[in-house]
């Protein structure tokens, strides 16, 4: 009498289930990596926007022109990234000082502006 042959190994169904589990795990890990990448890029843009606002305030502080109340919009660049800076000079109760606000925006692909930074300081009028 012959011995029955017992084969060892995995069935096709077991292999397919394992492949599905691996596929789901890889998809989840790719989404996590993409999320980290976009967060890192956003953080970089925020840092550059704050540096841009600080630079604009320093330019005004070092400048010799008189600070007149009003608003202006200008293009700013920092670290190879283009930003739009909005500068507002407002009067204060003391006529020898002005409040200066600088806001930094970045435009997305749709043309929508997103504010990334805002700094405010008080400066002498440079009379």
C-alpha atoms as a PDB file:
ATOM      1  CA  UNK A   1       0.000   0.000   0.000  1.00  0.00           C
ATOM      2  CA  UNK A   2       1.330   3.408  -0.978  1.00  0.00           C
ATOM      3  CA  UNK A   3       1.639   6.280   1.432  1.00  0.00           C
ATOM      4  CA  UNK A   4      -0.535   9.290   0.678  1.00  0.00           C
ATOM      5  CA  UNK A   5       1.510  12.222  -0.558  1.00  0.00           C
ATOM      6  CA  UNK A   6       1.135  15.291   1.613  1.00  0.00           C
ATOM      7  CA  UNK A   7       2.255  18.386  -0.139  1.00  0.00           C
ATOM      8  CA  UNK A   8       3.497  21.352   1.751  1.00  0.00           C
ATOM      9  CA  UNK A   9       3.111  24.935   0.638  1.00  0.00           C
ATOM     10  CA  UNK A  10       0.584  27.706   0.300  1.00  0.00           C
ATOM     11  CA  UNK A  11      -2.620  27.635  -1.618  1.00  0.00           C
ATOM     12  CA  UNK A  12      -3.376  30.221  -4.241  1.00  0.00           C
ATOM     13  CA  UNK A  13      -5.979  31.810  -1.979  1.00  0.00           C
ATOM     14  CA  UNK A  14      -3.471  32.236   0.853  1.00  0.00           C
ATOM     15  CA  UNK A  15      -0.979  33.895  -1.492  1.00  0.00           C
ATOM     16  CA  UNK A  16      -3.643  36.297  -2.811  1.00  0.00           C
ATOM     17  CA  UNK A  17      -4.716  37.269   0.719  1.00  0.00           C
ATOM     18  CA  UNK A  18      -1.087  37.943   1.659  1.00  0.00           C
ATOM     19  CA  UNK A  19      -0.626  40.128  -1.441  1.00  0.00           C
ATOM     20  CA  UNK A  20      -3.751  42.143  -0.604  1.00  0.00           C
ATOM     21  CA  UNK A  21      -2.513  42.728   2.952  1.00  0.00           C
ATOM     22  CA  UNK A  22       0.910  43.836   1.675  1.00  0.00           C
ATOM     23  CA  UNK A  23      -0.731  46.142  -0.872  1.00  0.00           C
ATOM     24  CA  UNK A  24      -2.885  47.834   1.769  1.00  0.00           C
ATOM     25  CA  UNK A  25       0.117  48.298   4.063  1.00  0.00           C
ATOM     26  CA  UNK A  26       2.241  49.807   1.268  1.00  0.00           C
ATOM     27  CA  UNK A  27      -0.560  52.165   0.256  1.00  0.00           C
ATOM     28  CA  UNK A  28      -0.923  53.405   3.832  1.00  0.00           C
ATOM     29  CA  UNK A  29       2.818  53.946   4.190  1.00  0.00           C
ATOM     30  CA  UNK A  30       2.956  55.886   0.898  1.00  0.00           C
ATOM     31  CA  UNK A  31       0.143  58.181   2.059  1.00  0.00           C
ATOM     32  CA  UNK A  32       2.020  58.806   5.297  1.00  0.00           C
ATOM     33  CA  UNK A  33       5.220  59.633   3.432  1.00  0.00           C
ATOM     34  CA  UNK A  34       3.377  62.017   1.097  1.00  0.00           C
ATOM     35  CA  UNK A  35       1.779  63.754   4.089  1.00  0.00           C
ATOM     36  CA  UNK A  36       5.179  64.256   5.717  1.00  0.00           C
ATOM     37  CA  UNK A  37       6.591  65.649   2.476  1.00  0.00           C
ATOM     38  CA  UNK A  38       3.798  68.198   2.054  1.00  0.00           C
ATOM     39  CA  UNK A  39       4.074  69.227   5.722  1.00  0.00           C
ATOM     40  CA  UNK A  40       7.820  69.760   5.346  1.00  0.00           C
ATOM     41  CA  UNK A  41       7.286  71.947   2.258  1.00  0.00           C
ATOM     42  CA  UNK A  42       4.609  74.023   4.020  1.00  0.00           C
ATOM     43  CA  UNK A  43       6.909  74.512   7.028  1.00  0.00           C
ATOM     44  CA  UNK A  44       9.715  75.623   4.710  1.00  0.00           C
ATOM     45  CA  UNK A  45       7.431  78.162   3.030  1.00  0.00           C
ATOM     46  CA  UNK A  46       6.277  79.496   6.430  1.00  0.00           C
ATOM     47  CA  UNK A  47       9.891  79.930   7.533  1.00  0.00           C
ATOM     48  CA  UNK A  48      10.811  81.763   4.328  1.00  0.00           C
ATOM     49  CA  UNK A  49       7.712  83.965   4.669  1.00  0.00           C
ATOM     50  CA  UNK A  50       8.676  85.010   8.204  1.00  0.00           C
ATOM     51  CA  UNK A  51      12.207  85.788   7.008  1.00  0.00           C
ATOM     52  CA  UNK A  52      10.737  87.855   4.172  1.00  0.00           C
ATOM     53  CA  UNK A  53       8.580  89.871   6.583  1.00  0.00           C
ATOM     54  CA  UNK A  54      11.539  90.427   8.919  1.00  0.00           C
ATOM     55  CA  UNK A  55      13.683  91.566   5.992  1.00  0.00           C
ATOM     56  CA  UNK A  56      11.031  94.055   4.878  1.00  0.00           C
ATOM     57  CA  UNK A  57      10.781  95.535   8.378  1.00  0.00           C
ATOM     58  CA  UNK A  58      14.578  95.801   8.557  1.00  0.00           C
ATOM     59  CA  UNK A  59      14.660  97.560   5.181  1.00  0.00           C
ATOM     60  CA  UNK A  60      12.193 100.115   6.512  1.00  0.00           C
ATOM     61  CA  UNK A  61      14.072 100.514   9.785  1.00  0.00           C
ATOM     62  CA  UNK A  62      17.384 101.084   7.987  1.00  0.00           C
ATOM     63  CA  UNK A  63      15.863 103.334   5.325  1.00  0.00           C
ATOM     64  CA  UNK A  64      15.991 107.093   5.486  1.00  0.00           C
ATOM     65  CA  UNK A  65      12.585 107.813   3.956  1.00  0.00           C
ATOM     66  CA  UNK A  66       9.776 109.197   6.055  1.00  0.00           C
ATOM     67  CA  UNK A  67       7.072 106.671   6.933  1.00  0.00           C
ATOM     68  CA  UNK A  68       3.785 108.032   5.624  1.00  0.00           C
ATOM     69  CA  UNK A  69       0.500 106.261   6.416  1.00  0.00           C
ATOM     70  CA  UNK A  70      -0.762 104.066   3.610  1.00  0.00           C
ATOM     71  CA  UNK A  71      -0.651 100.606   2.100  1.00  0.00           C
ATOM     72  CA  UNK A  72       1.456  99.103  -0.640  1.00  0.00           C
ATOM     73  CA  UNK A  73       1.854  95.684  -2.222  1.00  0.00           C
ATOM     74  CA  UNK A  74       5.184  94.517  -3.572  1.00  0.00           C
ATOM     75  CA  UNK A  75       6.828  91.366  -4.822  1.00  0.00           C
ATOM     76  CA  UNK A  76       9.296  89.732  -2.446  1.00  0.00           C
ATOM     77  CA  UNK A  77      11.610  86.790  -3.004  1.00  0.00           C
ATOM     78  CA  UNK A  78      13.360  84.659  -0.435  1.00  0.00           C
ATOM     79  CA  UNK A  79      15.298  81.458  -0.980  1.00  0.00           C
ATOM     80  CA  UNK A  80      14.183  81.210  -4.592  1.00  0.00           C
ATOM     81  CA  UNK A  81      10.493  81.375  -3.613  1.00  0.00           C
ATOM     82  CA  UNK A  82       8.343  84.282  -4.807  1.00  0.00           C
ATOM     83  CA  UNK A  83       5.994  85.911  -2.315  1.00  0.00           C
ATOM     84  CA  UNK A  84       3.663  88.911  -2.309  1.00  0.00           C
ATOM     85  CA  UNK A  85       4.218  91.356   0.565  1.00  0.00           C
ATOM     86  CA  UNK A  86       1.535  93.713   1.810  1.00  0.00           C
ATOM     87  CA  UNK A  87       2.841  96.629   3.861  1.00  0.00           C
ATOM     88  CA  UNK A  88       0.538  98.913   5.865  1.00  0.00           C
ATOM     89  CA  UNK A  89       1.778 102.006   7.702  1.00  0.00           C
ATOM     90  CA  UNK A  90      -0.729 103.364  10.212  1.00  0.00           C
ATOM     91  CA  UNK A  91      -0.611 106.351  12.553  1.00  0.00           C
ATOM     92  CA  UNK A  92      -0.279 105.968  16.320  1.00  0.00           C
ATOM     93  CA  UNK A  93      -1.418 108.293  19.111  1.00  0.00           C
ATOM     94  CA  UNK A  94       2.177 109.573  19.249  1.00  0.00           C
ATOM     95  CA  UNK A  95       2.872 111.566  16.039  1.00  0.00           C
ATOM     96  CA  UNK A  96       6.565 110.592  16.109  1.00  0.00           C
ATOM     97  CA  UNK A  97       5.847 106.879  15.641  1.00  0.00           C
ATOM     98  CA  UNK A  98       4.039 104.739  13.068  1.00  0.00           C
ATOM     99  CA  UNK A  99       2.636 101.215  13.286  1.00  0.00           C
ATOM    100  CA  UNK A 100       3.962  99.058  10.445  1.00  0.00           C
ATOM    101  CA  UNK A 101       2.340  95.748   9.491  1.00  0.00           C
ATOM    102  CA  UNK A 102       3.829  93.387   6.931  1.00  0.00           C
ATOM    103  CA  UNK A 103       1.844  90.403   5.640  1.00  0.00           C
ATOM    104  CA  UNK A 104       3.372  87.793   3.358  1.00  0.00           C
ATOM    105  CA  UNK A 105       1.257  85.788   0.921  1.00  0.00           C
ATOM    106  CA  UNK A 106       1.925  82.927  -1.477  1.00  0.00           C
ATOM    107  CA  UNK A 107      -0.266  82.245  -4.504  1.00  0.00           C
ATOM    108  CA  UNK A 108      -1.259  78.663  -5.289  1.00  0.00           C
ATOM    109  CA  UNK A 109      -1.901  77.116  -8.707  1.00  0.00           C
ATOM    110  CA  UNK A 110      -5.495  78.425  -8.739  1.00  0.00           C
ATOM    111  CA  UNK A 111      -4.364  82.006  -8.110  1.00  0.00           C
ATOM    112  CA  UNK A 112      -5.692  82.028  -4.546  1.00  0.00           C
ATOM    113  CA  UNK A 113      -3.554  83.881  -2.026  1.00  0.00           C
ATOM    114  CA  UNK A 114      -2.661  82.182   1.229  1.00  0.00           C
ATOM    115  CA  UNK A 115      -1.250  84.265   4.088  1.00  0.00           C
ATOM    116  CA  UNK A 116       1.850  82.638   5.523  1.00  0.00           C
ATOM    117  CA  UNK A 117       3.214  85.309   7.877  1.00  0.00           C
ATOM    118  CA  UNK A 118       2.309  88.591   9.544  1.00  0.00           C
ATOM    119  CA  UNK A 119       4.603  90.828  11.596  1.00  0.00           C
ATOM    120  CA  UNK A 120       3.930  94.192  13.219  1.00  0.00           C
ATOM    121  CA  UNK A 121       6.221  96.768  14.808  1.00  0.00           C
ATOM    122  CA  UNK A 122       6.313 100.424  15.783  1.00  0.00           C
ATOM    123  CA  UNK A 123       8.912 102.669  14.126  1.00  0.00           C
ATOM    124  CA  UNK A 124       9.906 106.319  14.367  1.00  0.00           C
ATOM    125  CA  UNK A 125       8.642 108.532  11.538  1.00  0.00           C
ATOM    126  CA  UNK A 126      12.212 109.572  10.497  1.00  0.00           C
ATOM    127  CA  UNK A 127      11.380 113.281  10.402  1.00  0.00           C
END
